[in-house]
């Protein structure tokens, strides 16, 4: 995406607001840019992304969980 070339990746809001206007229907592409920017911010600050986002829990309750084990093993 040419828009991202030579942009300051630390300007998260500026980039994501512009991307939203440029490709409003491409949620997957916008999510990829969002995750990449957070990864860069984490590396730049020396913090894990969960801390950048204000996380403080060690676990959360969920109503749905996607397993990574085979079905038989999960059951």
PDB file of N, CA and C in Angstrom:
ATOM      1  N   UNK A   1       0.842  -1.165   0.000  1.00  0.00           N
ATOM      2  CA  UNK A   1       0.000   0.000   0.000  1.00  0.00           C
ATOM      3  C   UNK A   1       0.895   1.238   0.000  1.00  0.00           C
ATOM      4  N   UNK A   2       0.950   1.951  -1.121  1.00  0.00           N
ATOM      5  CA  UNK A   2       1.858   3.095  -1.272  1.00  0.00           C
ATOM      6  C   UNK A   2       1.693   4.173  -0.200  1.00  0.00           C
ATOM      7  N   UNK A   3       0.490   4.352   0.318  1.00  0.00           N
ATOM      8  CA  UNK A   3       0.266   5.374   1.339  1.00  0.00           C
ATOM      9  C   UNK A   3       1.194   5.201   2.536  1.00  0.00           C
ATOM     10  N   UNK A   4       1.545   3.970   2.858  1.00  0.00           N
ATOM     11  CA  UNK A   4       2.344   3.706   4.059  1.00  0.00           C
ATOM     12  C   UNK A   4       3.832   4.000   3.885  1.00  0.00           C
ATOM     13  N   UNK A   5       4.303   4.092   2.649  1.00  0.00           N
ATOM     14  CA  UNK A   5       5.729   4.327   2.419  1.00  0.00           C
ATOM     15  C   UNK A   5       6.163   5.660   3.013  1.00  0.00           C
ATOM     16  N   UNK A   6       7.237   5.614   3.754  1.00  0.00           N
ATOM     17  CA  UNK A   6       7.865   6.788   4.365  1.00  0.00           C
ATOM     18  C   UNK A   6       6.976   7.498   5.386  1.00  0.00           C
ATOM     19  N   UNK A   7       5.978   6.815   5.918  1.00  0.00           N
ATOM     20  CA  UNK A   7       5.158   7.385   6.983  1.00  0.00           C
ATOM     21  C   UNK A   7       5.780   7.012   8.327  1.00  0.00           C
ATOM     22  N   UNK A   8       5.604   7.878   9.300  1.00  0.00           N
ATOM     23  CA  UNK A   8       6.097   7.613  10.651  1.00  0.00           C
ATOM     24  C   UNK A   8       5.151   6.610  11.314  1.00  0.00           C
ATOM     25  N   UNK A   9       5.607   5.373  11.560  1.00  0.00           N
ATOM     26  CA  UNK A   9       4.716   4.352  12.119  1.00  0.00           C
ATOM     27  C   UNK A   9       4.271   4.645  13.546  1.00  0.00           C
ATOM     28  N   UNK A  10       4.888   5.640  14.182  1.00  0.00           N
ATOM     29  CA  UNK A  10       4.481   6.000  15.533  1.00  0.00           C
ATOM     30  C   UNK A  10       3.264   6.920  15.535  1.00  0.00           C
ATOM     31  N   UNK A  11       2.848   7.364  14.368  1.00  0.00           N
ATOM     32  CA  UNK A  11       1.641   8.208  14.255  1.00  0.00           C
ATOM     33  C   UNK A  11       0.438   7.304  13.975  1.00  0.00           C
ATOM     34  N   UNK A  12       0.134   6.467  14.932  1.00  0.00           N
ATOM     35  CA  UNK A  12      -0.890   5.425  14.791  1.00  0.00           C
ATOM     36  C   UNK A  12      -2.247   5.975  14.342  1.00  0.00           C
ATOM     37  N   UNK A  13      -2.760   6.975  15.035  1.00  0.00           N
ATOM     38  CA  UNK A  13      -4.088   7.510  14.731  1.00  0.00           C
ATOM     39  C   UNK A  13      -4.116   8.116  13.332  1.00  0.00           C
ATOM     40  N   UNK A  14      -3.114   8.885  12.994  1.00  0.00           N
ATOM     41  CA  UNK A  14      -3.042   9.498  11.663  1.00  0.00           C
ATOM     42  C   UNK A  14      -3.116   8.429  10.570  1.00  0.00           C
ATOM     43  N   UNK A  15      -2.333   7.394  10.726  1.00  0.00           N
ATOM     44  CA  UNK A  15      -2.297   6.337   9.709  1.00  0.00           C
ATOM     45  C   UNK A  15      -3.612   5.574   9.661  1.00  0.00           C
ATOM     46  N   UNK A  16      -4.114   5.142  10.806  1.00  0.00           N
ATOM     47  CA  UNK A  16      -5.320   4.311  10.790  1.00  0.00           C
ATOM     48  C   UNK A  16      -6.551   5.100  10.327  1.00  0.00           C
ATOM     49  N   UNK A  17      -6.639   6.373  10.655  1.00  0.00           N
ATOM     50  CA  UNK A  17      -7.771   7.175  10.173  1.00  0.00           C
ATOM     51  C   UNK A  17      -7.723   7.333   8.657  1.00  0.00           C
ATOM     52  N   UNK A  18      -6.535   7.534   8.112  1.00  0.00           N
ATOM     53  CA  UNK A  18      -6.402   7.660   6.659  1.00  0.00           C
ATOM     54  C   UNK A  18      -6.680   6.338   5.952  1.00  0.00           C
ATOM     55  N   UNK A  19      -6.196   5.250   6.514  1.00  0.00           N
ATOM     56  CA  UNK A  19      -6.441   3.930   5.923  1.00  0.00           C
ATOM     57  C   UNK A  19      -7.938   3.640   5.915  1.00  0.00           C
ATOM     58  N   UNK A  20      -8.621   3.991   6.988  1.00  0.00           N
ATOM     59  CA  UNK A  20     -10.065   3.748   7.080  1.00  0.00           C
ATOM     60  C   UNK A  20     -10.812   4.464   5.948  1.00  0.00           C
ATOM     61  N   UNK A  21     -10.383   5.681   5.629  1.00  0.00           N
ATOM     62  CA  UNK A  21     -11.011   6.440   4.547  1.00  0.00           C
ATOM     63  C   UNK A  21     -10.655   5.854   3.172  1.00  0.00           C
ATOM     64  N   UNK A  22      -9.425   5.376   3.040  1.00  0.00           N
ATOM     65  CA  UNK A  22      -8.947   4.886   1.748  1.00  0.00           C
ATOM     66  C   UNK A  22      -9.529   3.529   1.370  1.00  0.00           C
ATOM     67  N   UNK A  23      -9.652   2.643   2.345  1.00  0.00           N
ATOM     68  CA  UNK A  23     -10.147   1.288   2.070  1.00  0.00           C
ATOM     69  C   UNK A  23     -11.202   0.886   3.104  1.00  0.00           C
ATOM     70  N   UNK A  24     -12.354   1.564   3.084  1.00  0.00           N
ATOM     71  CA  UNK A  24     -13.368   1.307   4.112  1.00  0.00           C
ATOM     72  C   UNK A  24     -13.916  -0.116   4.112  1.00  0.00           C
ATOM     73  N   UNK A  25     -13.922  -0.781   2.981  1.00  0.00           N
ATOM     74  CA  UNK A  25     -14.491  -2.123   2.902  1.00  0.00           C
ATOM     75  C   UNK A  25     -13.469  -3.231   3.171  1.00  0.00           C
ATOM     76  N   UNK A  26     -12.211  -2.884   3.282  1.00  0.00           N
ATOM     77  CA  UNK A  26     -11.151  -3.889   3.445  1.00  0.00           C
ATOM     78  C   UNK A  26     -10.765  -4.037   4.906  1.00  0.00           C
ATOM     79  N   UNK A  27     -11.659  -4.634   5.674  1.00  0.00           N
ATOM     80  CA  UNK A  27     -11.413  -4.774   7.114  1.00  0.00           C
ATOM     81  C   UNK A  27     -10.175  -5.604   7.414  1.00  0.00           C
ATOM     82  N   UNK A  28      -9.961  -6.657   6.649  1.00  0.00           N
ATOM     83  CA  UNK A  28      -8.790  -7.506   6.880  1.00  0.00           C
ATOM     84  C   UNK A  28      -7.490  -6.762   6.659  1.00  0.00           C
ATOM     85  N   UNK A  29      -7.434  -5.971   5.598  1.00  0.00           N
ATOM     86  CA  UNK A  29      -6.225  -5.187   5.318  1.00  0.00           C
ATOM     87  C   UNK A  29      -6.005  -4.139   6.397  1.00  0.00           C
ATOM     88  N   UNK A  30      -7.096  -3.496   6.826  1.00  0.00           N
ATOM     89  CA  UNK A  30      -6.971  -2.498   7.891  1.00  0.00           C
ATOM     90  C   UNK A  30      -6.515  -3.147   9.192  1.00  0.00           C
ATOM     91  N   UNK A  31      -7.023  -4.329   9.480  1.00  0.00           N
ATOM     92  CA  UNK A  31      -6.610  -5.037  10.695  1.00  0.00           C
ATOM     93  C   UNK A  31      -5.131  -5.398  10.632  1.00  0.00           C
ATOM     94  N   UNK A  32      -4.659  -5.789   9.458  1.00  0.00           N
ATOM     95  CA  UNK A  32      -3.239  -6.135   9.306  1.00  0.00           C
ATOM     96  C   UNK A  32      -2.349  -4.915   9.572  1.00  0.00           C
ATOM     97  N   UNK A  33      -2.754  -3.765   9.055  1.00  0.00           N
ATOM     98  CA  UNK A  33      -1.990  -2.530   9.292  1.00  0.00           C
ATOM     99  C   UNK A  33      -2.036  -2.178  10.782  1.00  0.00           C
ATOM    100  N   UNK A  34      -3.213  -2.298  11.372  1.00  0.00           N
ATOM    101  CA  UNK A  34      -3.391  -2.015  12.799  1.00  0.00           C
ATOM    102  C   UNK A  34      -2.447  -2.871  13.648  1.00  0.00           C
ATOM    103  N   UNK A  35      -2.425  -4.168  13.377  1.00  0.00           N
ATOM    104  CA  UNK A  35      -1.561  -5.070  14.158  1.00  0.00           C
ATOM    105  C   UNK A  35      -0.089  -4.771  13.931  1.00  0.00           C
ATOM    106  N   UNK A  36       0.273  -4.462  12.688  1.00  0.00           N
ATOM    107  CA  UNK A  36       1.674  -4.144  12.396  1.00  0.00           C
ATOM    108  C   UNK A  36       2.105  -2.879  13.128  1.00  0.00           C
ATOM    109  N   UNK A  37       1.230  -1.880  13.155  1.00  0.00           N
ATOM    110  CA  UNK A  37       1.569  -0.641  13.857  1.00  0.00           C
ATOM    111  C   UNK A  37       1.728  -0.870  15.356  1.00  0.00           C
ATOM    112  N   UNK A  38       0.829  -1.659  15.938  1.00  0.00           N
ATOM    113  CA  UNK A  38       0.970  -1.961  17.371  1.00  0.00           C
ATOM    114  C   UNK A  38       2.257  -2.740  17.640  1.00  0.00           C
ATOM    115  N   UNK A  39       2.610  -3.629  16.743  1.00  0.00           N
ATOM    116  CA  UNK A  39       3.860  -4.378  16.900  1.00  0.00           C
ATOM    117  C   UNK A  39       5.055  -3.418  16.888  1.00  0.00           C
ATOM    118  N   UNK A  40       5.033  -2.475  15.964  1.00  0.00           N
ATOM    119  CA  UNK A  40       6.110  -1.479  15.886  1.00  0.00           C
ATOM    120  C   UNK A  40       6.139  -0.628  17.153  1.00  0.00           C
ATOM    121  N   UNK A  41       4.969  -0.180  17.609  1.00  0.00           N
ATOM    122  CA  UNK A  41       4.909   0.629  18.837  1.00  0.00           C
ATOM    123  C   UNK A  41       5.451  -0.145  20.040  1.00  0.00           C
ATOM    124  N   UNK A  42       5.113  -1.423  20.111  1.00  0.00           N
ATOM    125  CA  UNK A  42       5.617  -2.252  21.201  1.00  0.00           C
ATOM    126  C   UNK A  42       7.130  -2.387  21.160  1.00  0.00           C
ATOM    127  N   UNK A  43       7.643  -2.642  19.977  1.00  0.00           N
ATOM    128  CA  UNK A  43       9.102  -2.777  19.840  1.00  0.00           C
ATOM    129  C   UNK A  43       9.801  -1.457  20.155  1.00  0.00           C
ATOM    130  N   UNK A  44       9.237  -0.370  19.671  1.00  0.00           N
ATOM    131  CA  UNK A  44       9.837   0.946  19.901  1.00  0.00           C
ATOM    132  C   UNK A  44       9.864   1.301  21.385  1.00  0.00           C
ATOM    133  N   UNK A  45       8.772   0.983  22.079  1.00  0.00           N
ATOM    134  CA  UNK A  45       8.675   1.340  23.491  1.00  0.00           C
ATOM    135  C   UNK A  45       9.286   0.299  24.420  1.00  0.00           C
ATOM    136  N   UNK A  46       9.560  -0.884  23.889  1.00  0.00           N
ATOM    137  CA  UNK A  46      10.098  -1.953  24.726  1.00  0.00           C
ATOM    138  C   UNK A  46       9.041  -2.600  25.610  1.00  0.00           C
ATOM    139  N   UNK A  47       7.770  -2.451  25.217  1.00  0.00           N
ATOM    140  CA  UNK A  47       6.667  -3.013  25.991  1.00  0.00           C
ATOM    141  C   UNK A  47       5.904  -4.033  25.160  1.00  0.00           C
ATOM    142  N   UNK A  48       5.338  -5.035  25.821  1.00  0.00           N
ATOM    143  CA  UNK A  48       4.450  -5.935  25.085  1.00  0.00           C
ATOM    144  C   UNK A  48       3.162  -5.188  24.722  1.00  0.00           C
ATOM    145  N   UNK A  49       2.534  -5.575  23.620  1.00  0.00           N
ATOM    146  CA  UNK A  49       1.344  -4.878  23.140  1.00  0.00           C
ATOM    147  C   UNK A  49       0.222  -4.886  24.175  1.00  0.00           C
ATOM    148  N   UNK A  50       0.075  -5.972  24.909  1.00  0.00           N
ATOM    149  CA  UNK A  50      -1.008  -6.009  25.900  1.00  0.00           C
ATOM    150  C   UNK A  50      -0.853  -4.905  26.937  1.00  0.00           C
ATOM    151  N   UNK A  51       0.394  -4.542  27.251  1.00  0.00           N
ATOM    152  CA  UNK A  51       0.613  -3.440  28.196  1.00  0.00           C
ATOM    153  C   UNK A  51       0.316  -2.091  27.540  1.00  0.00           C
ATOM    154  N   UNK A  52       0.672  -1.966  26.269  1.00  0.00           N
ATOM    155  CA  UNK A  52       0.352  -0.729  25.551  1.00  0.00           C
ATOM    156  C   UNK A  52      -1.154  -0.485  25.529  1.00  0.00           C
ATOM    157  N   UNK A  53      -1.915  -1.554  25.464  1.00  0.00           N
ATOM    158  CA  UNK A  53      -3.364  -1.448  25.411  1.00  0.00           C
ATOM    159  C   UNK A  53      -3.994  -1.352  26.794  1.00  0.00           C
ATOM    160  N   UNK A  54      -3.163  -1.275  27.829  1.00  0.00           N
ATOM    161  CA  UNK A  54      -3.671  -1.100  29.177  1.00  0.00           C
ATOM    162  C   UNK A  54      -4.037  -2.381  29.897  1.00  0.00           C
ATOM    163  N   UNK A  55      -3.624  -3.512  29.359  1.00  0.00           N
ATOM    164  CA  UNK A  55      -3.975  -4.798  29.956  1.00  0.00           C
ATOM    165  C   UNK A  55      -3.386  -4.990  31.336  1.00  0.00           C
ATOM    166  N   UNK A  56      -4.139  -5.644  32.180  1.00  0.00           N
ATOM    167  CA  UNK A  56      -3.655  -5.916  33.529  1.00  0.00           C
ATOM    168  C   UNK A  56      -4.061  -7.296  34.014  1.00  0.00           C
ATOM    169  N   UNK A  57      -4.859  -7.997  33.241  1.00  0.00           N
ATOM    170  CA  UNK A  57      -5.322  -9.323  33.661  1.00  0.00           C
ATOM    171  C   UNK A  57      -4.351 -10.401  33.196  1.00  0.00           C
ATOM    172  N   UNK A  58      -4.370 -11.508  33.908  1.00  0.00           N
ATOM    173  CA  UNK A  58      -3.585 -12.659  33.470  1.00  0.00           C
ATOM    174  C   UNK A  58      -4.455 -13.653  32.716  1.00  0.00           C
ATOM    175  N   UNK A  59      -5.797 -13.484  32.808  1.00  0.00           N
ATOM    176  CA  UNK A  59      -6.725 -14.316  32.050  1.00  0.00           C
ATOM    177  C   UNK A  59      -8.062 -13.593  31.969  1.00  0.00           C
ATOM    178  N   UNK A  60      -8.885 -14.000  30.986  1.00  0.00           N
ATOM    179  CA  UNK A  60     -10.216 -13.421  30.840  1.00  0.00           C
ATOM    180  C   UNK A  60     -11.217 -14.540  30.576  1.00  0.00           C
ATOM    181  N   UNK A  61     -12.442 -14.320  30.993  1.00  0.00           N
ATOM    182  CA  UNK A  61     -13.510 -15.280  30.724  1.00  0.00           C
ATOM    183  C   UNK A  61     -13.986 -15.081  29.289  1.00  0.00           C
ATOM    184  N   UNK A  62     -14.239 -16.160  28.597  1.00  0.00           N
ATOM    185  CA  UNK A  62     -14.765 -16.083  27.235  1.00  0.00           C
ATOM    186  C   UNK A  62     -15.965 -16.994  27.089  1.00  0.00           C
ATOM    187  N   UNK A  63     -16.826 -16.644  26.168  1.00  0.00           N
ATOM    188  CA  UNK A  63     -17.964 -17.517  25.889  1.00  0.00           C
ATOM    189  C   UNK A  63     -17.652 -18.435  24.713  1.00  0.00           C
ATOM    190  N   UNK A  64     -16.639 -18.081  23.944  1.00  0.00           N
ATOM    191  CA  UNK A  64     -16.228 -18.885  22.796  1.00  0.00           C
ATOM    192  C   UNK A  64     -14.707 -18.964  22.770  1.00  0.00           C
ATOM    193  N   UNK A  65     -14.215 -20.134  22.557  1.00  0.00           N
ATOM    194  CA  UNK A  65     -12.775 -20.323  22.453  1.00  0.00           C
ATOM    195  C   UNK A  65     -12.492 -21.224  21.263  1.00  0.00           C
ATOM    196  N   UNK A  66     -11.532 -20.841  20.462  1.00  0.00           N
ATOM    197  CA  UNK A  66     -11.136 -21.655  19.322  1.00  0.00           C
ATOM    198  C   UNK A  66      -9.949 -22.489  19.757  1.00  0.00           C
ATOM    199  N   UNK A  67     -10.116 -23.793  19.713  1.00  0.00           N
ATOM    200  CA  UNK A  67      -9.044 -24.686  20.125  1.00  0.00           C
ATOM    201  C   UNK A  67      -7.990 -24.868  19.053  1.00  0.00           C
ATOM    202  N   UNK A  68      -6.798 -25.229  19.478  1.00  0.00           N
ATOM    203  CA  UNK A  68      -5.725 -25.479  18.521  1.00  0.00           C
ATOM    204  C   UNK A  68      -5.349 -26.961  18.481  1.00  0.00           C
ATOM    205  N   UNK A  69      -6.000 -27.745  19.336  1.00  0.00           N
ATOM    206  CA  UNK A  69      -5.723 -29.181  19.352  1.00  0.00           C
ATOM    207  C   UNK A  69      -6.709 -29.891  18.432  1.00  0.00           C
ATOM    208  N   UNK A  70      -6.394 -31.118  18.020  1.00  0.00           N
ATOM    209  CA  UNK A  70      -7.346 -31.895  17.240  1.00  0.00           C
ATOM    210  C   UNK A  70      -8.649 -32.083  18.029  1.00  0.00           C
ATOM    211  N   UNK A  71      -9.757 -32.264  17.335  1.00  0.00           N
ATOM    212  CA  UNK A  71     -11.070 -32.370  17.975  1.00  0.00           C
ATOM    213  C   UNK A  71     -11.117 -33.472  19.029  1.00  0.00           C
ATOM    214  N   UNK A  72     -10.603 -34.654  18.706  1.00  0.00           N
ATOM    215  CA  UNK A  72     -10.636 -35.771  19.659  1.00  0.00           C
ATOM    216  C   UNK A  72      -9.896 -35.420  20.947  1.00  0.00           C
ATOM    217  N   UNK A  73      -8.759 -34.771  20.822  1.00  0.00           N
ATOM    218  CA  UNK A  73      -7.973 -34.371  21.979  1.00  0.00           C
ATOM    219  C   UNK A  73      -8.688 -33.280  22.785  1.00  0.00           C
ATOM    220  N   UNK A  74      -9.336 -32.368  22.092  1.00  0.00           N
ATOM    221  CA  UNK A  74     -10.080 -31.299  22.752  1.00  0.00           C
ATOM    222  C   UNK A  74     -11.233 -31.864  23.571  1.00  0.00           C
ATOM    223  N   UNK A  75     -11.952 -32.807  22.975  1.00  0.00           N
ATOM    224  CA  UNK A  75     -13.092 -33.408  23.680  1.00  0.00           C
ATOM    225  C   UNK A  75     -12.623 -34.200  24.871  1.00  0.00           C
TER     226      UNK A  75
END
